[in-house]
Amino acid sequence: MKSHSILLLLALVPMTLVPPAVAQPVHTHGHAHASAGHDAAFHVPADHVRWAPDAALLEGMARIRQALHDLAPHEIRPLSDTTVIALADEIDAAIQYLFANCRLDPEPDAALHRILARLMADSRALHADPSDSSPLAGMQAALNHYAALFDDPNALHPH
């Protein structure tokens, strides 16, 4: 999938196309998430065996994690709009790389698309208002979901 229009289409994929085990939210233990209006938590069945990522997935997610790491100070003190947009662009480029290169079986692919759709929505929010750090919480939630679903040795696994 190489075209930009496909990326936008995937962001709008109805949740009915995502397997129920992946689509259901879980309780967030009372934590408020800054990206209200988004599904900040994702459900992972207790018996889920994490899927093996391919090399492209490892590469793309490493790039996304690095950009999000570089954005982390934005939650404490504002980064420049130019810096925020450049890092959001890096996340977008990594997502495009994943769509072009990652090859997974249908179930993990559908779960990954949900994670990437979340990252794309939050990246769009950063582009729309670089001074707003609230989309970073949604991006971190997506990365936590990825770590719970995929056996990526470089991902920080949520507790």
C-alpha atoms as a PDB file:
ATOM      1  CA  MET A   1       0.000   0.000   0.000  1.00  0.00           C
ATOM      2  CA  LYS A   2       1.845   3.037  -1.157  1.00  0.00           C
ATOM      3  CA  SER A   3      -0.625   5.791  -1.831  1.00  0.00           C
ATOM      4  CA  HIS A   4      -1.512   8.501   0.644  1.00  0.00           C
ATOM      5  CA  SER A   5      -5.224   8.000  -0.045  1.00  0.00           C
ATOM      6  CA  ILE A   6      -4.981   4.394   1.138  1.00  0.00           C
ATOM      7  CA  LEU A   7      -3.449   5.602   4.398  1.00  0.00           C
ATOM      8  CA  LEU A   8      -6.344   7.971   4.931  1.00  0.00           C
ATOM      9  CA  LEU A   9      -8.826   5.253   4.068  1.00  0.00           C
ATOM     10  CA  LEU A  10      -7.265   2.897   6.603  1.00  0.00           C
ATOM     11  CA  ALA A  11      -7.604   5.533   9.292  1.00  0.00           C
ATOM     12  CA  LEU A  12     -11.328   5.428   8.668  1.00  0.00           C
ATOM     13  CA  VAL A  13     -11.681   1.617   8.665  1.00  0.00           C
ATOM     14  CA  PRO A  14     -14.758   0.772  10.716  1.00  0.00           C
ATOM     15  CA  MET A  15     -14.066  -1.029  13.973  1.00  0.00           C
ATOM     16  CA  THR A  16     -16.280  -3.873  12.733  1.00  0.00           C
ATOM     17  CA  LEU A  17     -13.367  -4.966  10.550  1.00  0.00           C
ATOM     18  CA  VAL A  18     -11.104  -5.380  13.577  1.00  0.00           C
ATOM     19  CA  PRO A  19     -11.422  -8.706  15.394  1.00  0.00           C
ATOM     20  CA  PRO A  20     -13.527  -8.332  18.573  1.00  0.00           C
ATOM     21  CA  ALA A  21     -10.649  -9.454  20.801  1.00  0.00           C
ATOM     22  CA  VAL A  22      -8.610  -6.544  19.504  1.00  0.00           C
ATOM     23  CA  ALA A  23     -11.363  -3.942  19.217  1.00  0.00           C
ATOM     24  CA  GLN A  24     -12.695  -3.924  22.754  1.00  0.00           C
ATOM     25  CA  PRO A  25     -11.469  -1.255  25.167  1.00  0.00           C
ATOM     26  CA  VAL A  26     -10.464  -2.108  28.722  1.00  0.00           C
ATOM     27  CA  HIS A  27     -10.865  -0.067  31.856  1.00  0.00           C
ATOM     28  CA  THR A  28      -8.077   2.399  32.436  1.00  0.00           C
ATOM     29  CA  HIS A  29      -7.923   1.982  36.222  1.00  0.00           C
ATOM     30  CA  GLY A  30      -9.221   5.484  36.769  1.00  0.00           C
ATOM     31  CA  HIS A  31      -6.523   7.269  34.808  1.00  0.00           C
ATOM     32  CA  ALA A  32      -7.716  10.164  32.688  1.00  0.00           C
ATOM     33  CA  HIS A  33      -6.170  10.379  29.258  1.00  0.00           C
ATOM     34  CA  ALA A  34      -5.454  13.698  27.646  1.00  0.00           C
ATOM     35  CA  SER A  35      -6.614  12.548  24.230  1.00  0.00           C
ATOM     36  CA  ALA A  36     -10.289  12.410  25.139  1.00  0.00           C
ATOM     37  CA  GLY A  37     -12.489  11.184  22.344  1.00  0.00           C
ATOM     38  CA  HIS A  38      -9.998   8.461  21.457  1.00  0.00           C
ATOM     39  CA  ASP A  39     -10.026   4.908  22.721  1.00  0.00           C
ATOM     40  CA  ALA A  40      -7.032   5.416  25.042  1.00  0.00           C
ATOM     41  CA  ALA A  41      -6.877   1.796  26.192  1.00  0.00           C
ATOM     42  CA  PHE A  42      -7.038  -1.359  24.138  1.00  0.00           C
ATOM     43  CA  HIS A  43      -8.127  -4.834  25.140  1.00  0.00           C
ATOM     44  CA  VAL A  44      -5.671  -7.696  24.987  1.00  0.00           C
ATOM     45  CA  PRO A  45      -7.048 -11.095  25.992  1.00  0.00           C
ATOM     46  CA  ALA A  46      -5.302 -12.587  29.033  1.00  0.00           C
ATOM     47  CA  ASP A  47      -4.337 -15.670  27.001  1.00  0.00           C
ATOM     48  CA  HIS A  48      -2.953 -13.698  24.038  1.00  0.00           C
ATOM     49  CA  VAL A  49       0.312 -15.056  22.688  1.00  0.00           C
ATOM     50  CA  ARG A  50       2.215 -12.102  21.284  1.00  0.00           C
ATOM     51  CA  TRP A  51       2.672 -12.191  17.518  1.00  0.00           C
ATOM     52  CA  ALA A  52       6.090 -12.237  15.876  1.00  0.00           C
ATOM     53  CA  PRO A  53       6.853  -8.974  14.072  1.00  0.00           C
ATOM     54  CA  ASP A  54       8.601  -9.026  10.726  1.00  0.00           C
ATOM     55  CA  ALA A  55      11.787  -7.008  10.115  1.00  0.00           C
ATOM     56  CA  ALA A  56       9.855  -4.104   8.600  1.00  0.00           C
ATOM     57  CA  LEU A  57       7.585  -3.893  11.637  1.00  0.00           C
ATOM     58  CA  LEU A  58      10.577  -3.867  13.976  1.00  0.00           C
ATOM     59  CA  GLU A  59      12.180  -1.075  11.922  1.00  0.00           C
ATOM     60  CA  GLY A  60       9.058   1.049  11.561  1.00  0.00           C
ATOM     61  CA  MET A  61       8.070   0.802  15.205  1.00  0.00           C
ATOM     62  CA  ALA A  62      11.623   1.635  16.304  1.00  0.00           C
ATOM     63  CA  ARG A  63      11.390   4.824  14.243  1.00  0.00           C
ATOM     64  CA  ILE A  64       8.021   5.679  15.790  1.00  0.00           C
ATOM     65  CA  ARG A  65       9.304   4.999  19.325  1.00  0.00           C
ATOM     66  CA  GLN A  66      12.317   7.261  18.704  1.00  0.00           C
ATOM     67  CA  ALA A  67      10.165  10.125  17.427  1.00  0.00           C
ATOM     68  CA  LEU A  68       7.789   9.761  20.374  1.00  0.00           C
ATOM     69  CA  HIS A  69      10.766   9.692  22.744  1.00  0.00           C
ATOM     70  CA  ASP A  70      11.984  12.929  21.171  1.00  0.00           C
ATOM     71  CA  LEU A  71       8.477  14.403  21.618  1.00  0.00           C
ATOM     72  CA  ALA A  72       8.250  13.434  25.317  1.00  0.00           C
ATOM     73  CA  PRO A  73       9.684  16.726  26.643  1.00  0.00           C
ATOM     74  CA  HIS A  74       6.741  18.472  24.943  1.00  0.00           C
ATOM     75  CA  GLU A  75       4.517  17.275  27.811  1.00  0.00           C
ATOM     76  CA  ILE A  76       6.681  19.162  30.337  1.00  0.00           C
ATOM     77  CA  ARG A  77       7.743  22.246  28.397  1.00  0.00           C
ATOM     78  CA  PRO A  78       6.598  23.233  24.934  1.00  0.00           C
ATOM     79  CA  LEU A  79       8.844  22.302  22.038  1.00  0.00           C
ATOM     80  CA  SER A  80       8.911  24.607  19.048  1.00  0.00           C
ATOM     81  CA  ASP A  81       6.139  24.133  16.499  1.00  0.00           C
ATOM     82  CA  THR A  82       8.809  23.335  13.900  1.00  0.00           C
ATOM     83  CA  THR A  83      10.238  20.551  16.086  1.00  0.00           C
ATOM     84  CA  VAL A  84       6.821  19.056  16.856  1.00  0.00           C
ATOM     85  CA  ILE A  85       5.819  19.057  13.187  1.00  0.00           C
ATOM     86  CA  ALA A  86       9.153  17.548  12.123  1.00  0.00           C
ATOM     87  CA  LEU A  87       8.754  14.725  14.659  1.00  0.00           C
ATOM     88  CA  ALA A  88       5.126  14.163  13.641  1.00  0.00           C
ATOM     89  CA  ASP A  89       6.396  13.964  10.045  1.00  0.00           C
ATOM     90  CA  GLU A  90       8.884  11.282  11.151  1.00  0.00           C
ATOM     91  CA  ILE A  91       6.024   9.281  12.650  1.00  0.00           C
ATOM     92  CA  ASP A  92       4.031   9.683   9.430  1.00  0.00           C
ATOM     93  CA  ALA A  93       7.024   8.537   7.361  1.00  0.00           C
ATOM     94  CA  ALA A  94       7.478   5.471   9.579  1.00  0.00           C
ATOM     95  CA  ILE A  95       3.787   4.621   9.201  1.00  0.00           C
ATOM     96  CA  GLN A  96       4.055   4.935   5.419  1.00  0.00           C
ATOM     97  CA  TYR A  97       7.120   2.671   5.561  1.00  0.00           C
ATOM     98  CA  LEU A  98       5.094   0.097   7.502  1.00  0.00           C
ATOM     99  CA  PHE A  99       2.197   0.143   5.055  1.00  0.00           C
ATOM    100  CA  ALA A 100       4.629  -0.304   2.161  1.00  0.00           C
ATOM    101  CA  ASN A 101       6.837  -2.996   3.712  1.00  0.00           C
ATOM    102  CA  CYS A 102       5.225  -4.852   6.612  1.00  0.00           C
ATOM    103  CA  ARG A 103       3.677  -8.235   5.811  1.00  0.00           C
ATOM    104  CA  LEU A 104       1.659  -9.942   8.546  1.00  0.00           C
ATOM    105  CA  ASP A 105      -1.051 -12.562   8.779  1.00  0.00           C
ATOM    106  CA  PRO A 106      -4.610 -11.162   8.743  1.00  0.00           C
ATOM    107  CA  GLU A 107      -5.281 -11.019  12.503  1.00  0.00           C
ATOM    108  CA  PRO A 108      -2.051  -9.268  13.553  1.00  0.00           C
ATOM    109  CA  ASP A 109      -2.312  -7.066  10.459  1.00  0.00           C
ATOM    110  CA  ALA A 110      -5.799  -5.889  11.495  1.00  0.00           C
ATOM    111  CA  ALA A 111      -4.546  -5.168  15.021  1.00  0.00           C
ATOM    112  CA  LEU A 112      -1.565  -3.263  13.649  1.00  0.00           C
ATOM    113  CA  HIS A 113      -3.837  -1.180  11.413  1.00  0.00           C
ATOM    114  CA  ARG A 114      -5.787  -0.102  14.493  1.00  0.00           C
ATOM    115  CA  ILE A 115      -2.566   0.932  16.230  1.00  0.00           C
ATOM    116  CA  LEU A 116      -1.377   2.814  13.155  1.00  0.00           C
ATOM    117  CA  ALA A 117      -4.760   4.518  12.721  1.00  0.00           C
ATOM    118  CA  ARG A 118      -4.460   5.800  16.286  1.00  0.00           C
ATOM    119  CA  LEU A 119      -0.927   7.066  15.645  1.00  0.00           C
ATOM    120  CA  MET A 120      -2.060   8.756  12.407  1.00  0.00           C
ATOM    121  CA  ALA A 121      -4.966  10.494  14.137  1.00  0.00           C
ATOM    122  CA  ASP A 122      -2.707  11.802  16.887  1.00  0.00           C
ATOM    123  CA  SER A 123      -0.082  12.884  14.358  1.00  0.00           C
ATOM    124  CA  ARG A 124      -2.771  14.838  12.498  1.00  0.00           C
ATOM    125  CA  ALA A 125      -3.708  16.464  15.808  1.00  0.00           C
ATOM    126  CA  LEU A 126      -0.076  17.496  16.377  1.00  0.00           C
ATOM    127  CA  HIS A 127       0.070  18.973  12.886  1.00  0.00           C
ATOM    128  CA  ALA A 128      -3.172  20.873  13.524  1.00  0.00           C
ATOM    129  CA  ASP A 129      -1.990  22.295  16.855  1.00  0.00           C
ATOM    130  CA  PRO A 130       1.721  21.730  17.578  1.00  0.00           C
ATOM    131  CA  SER A 131       1.393  23.519  20.924  1.00  0.00           C
ATOM    132  CA  ASP A 132      -1.025  20.854  22.233  1.00  0.00           C
ATOM    133  CA  SER A 133       0.805  17.932  23.830  1.00  0.00           C
ATOM    134  CA  SER A 134      -2.345  15.905  24.576  1.00  0.00           C
ATOM    135  CA  PRO A 135      -2.032  13.657  21.475  1.00  0.00           C
ATOM    136  CA  LEU A 136       1.161  12.205  22.983  1.00  0.00           C
ATOM    137  CA  ALA A 137      -0.888  10.234  25.525  1.00  0.00           C
ATOM    138  CA  GLY A 138      -2.795   8.516  22.720  1.00  0.00           C
ATOM    139  CA  MET A 139       0.423   7.745  20.882  1.00  0.00           C
ATOM    140  CA  GLN A 140       1.895   6.207  24.021  1.00  0.00           C
ATOM    141  CA  ALA A 141      -1.274   4.150  24.521  1.00  0.00           C
ATOM    142  CA  ALA A 142      -0.906   2.859  20.945  1.00  0.00           C
ATOM    143  CA  LEU A 143       2.724   1.893  21.582  1.00  0.00           C
ATOM    144  CA  ASN A 144       1.732   0.130  24.807  1.00  0.00           C
ATOM    145  CA  HIS A 145      -0.912  -1.784  22.871  1.00  0.00           C
ATOM    146  CA  TYR A 146       1.664  -2.733  20.250  1.00  0.00           C
ATOM    147  CA  ALA A 147       4.009  -4.014  22.986  1.00  0.00           C
ATOM    148  CA  ALA A 148       1.217  -6.122  24.473  1.00  0.00           C
ATOM    149  CA  LEU A 149       0.308  -7.647  21.104  1.00  0.00           C
ATOM    150  CA  PHE A 150       3.682  -8.096  19.393  1.00  0.00           C
ATOM    151  CA  ASP A 151       6.836  -9.846  20.562  1.00  0.00           C
ATOM    152  CA  ASP A 152       9.156  -6.948  19.816  1.00  0.00           C
ATOM    153  CA  PRO A 153      12.255  -7.199  22.035  1.00  0.00           C
ATOM    154  CA  ASN A 154      12.757  -3.420  21.775  1.00  0.00           C
ATOM    155  CA  ALA A 155       9.259  -2.444  22.917  1.00  0.00           C
ATOM    156  CA  LEU A 156       8.653  -1.544  26.522  1.00  0.00           C
ATOM    157  CA  HIS A 157       6.015  -3.970  27.717  1.00  0.00           C
ATOM    158  CA  PRO A 158       3.233  -2.428  29.803  1.00  0.00           C
ATOM    159  CA  HIS A 159       2.627  -3.830  33.243  1.00  0.00           C
END
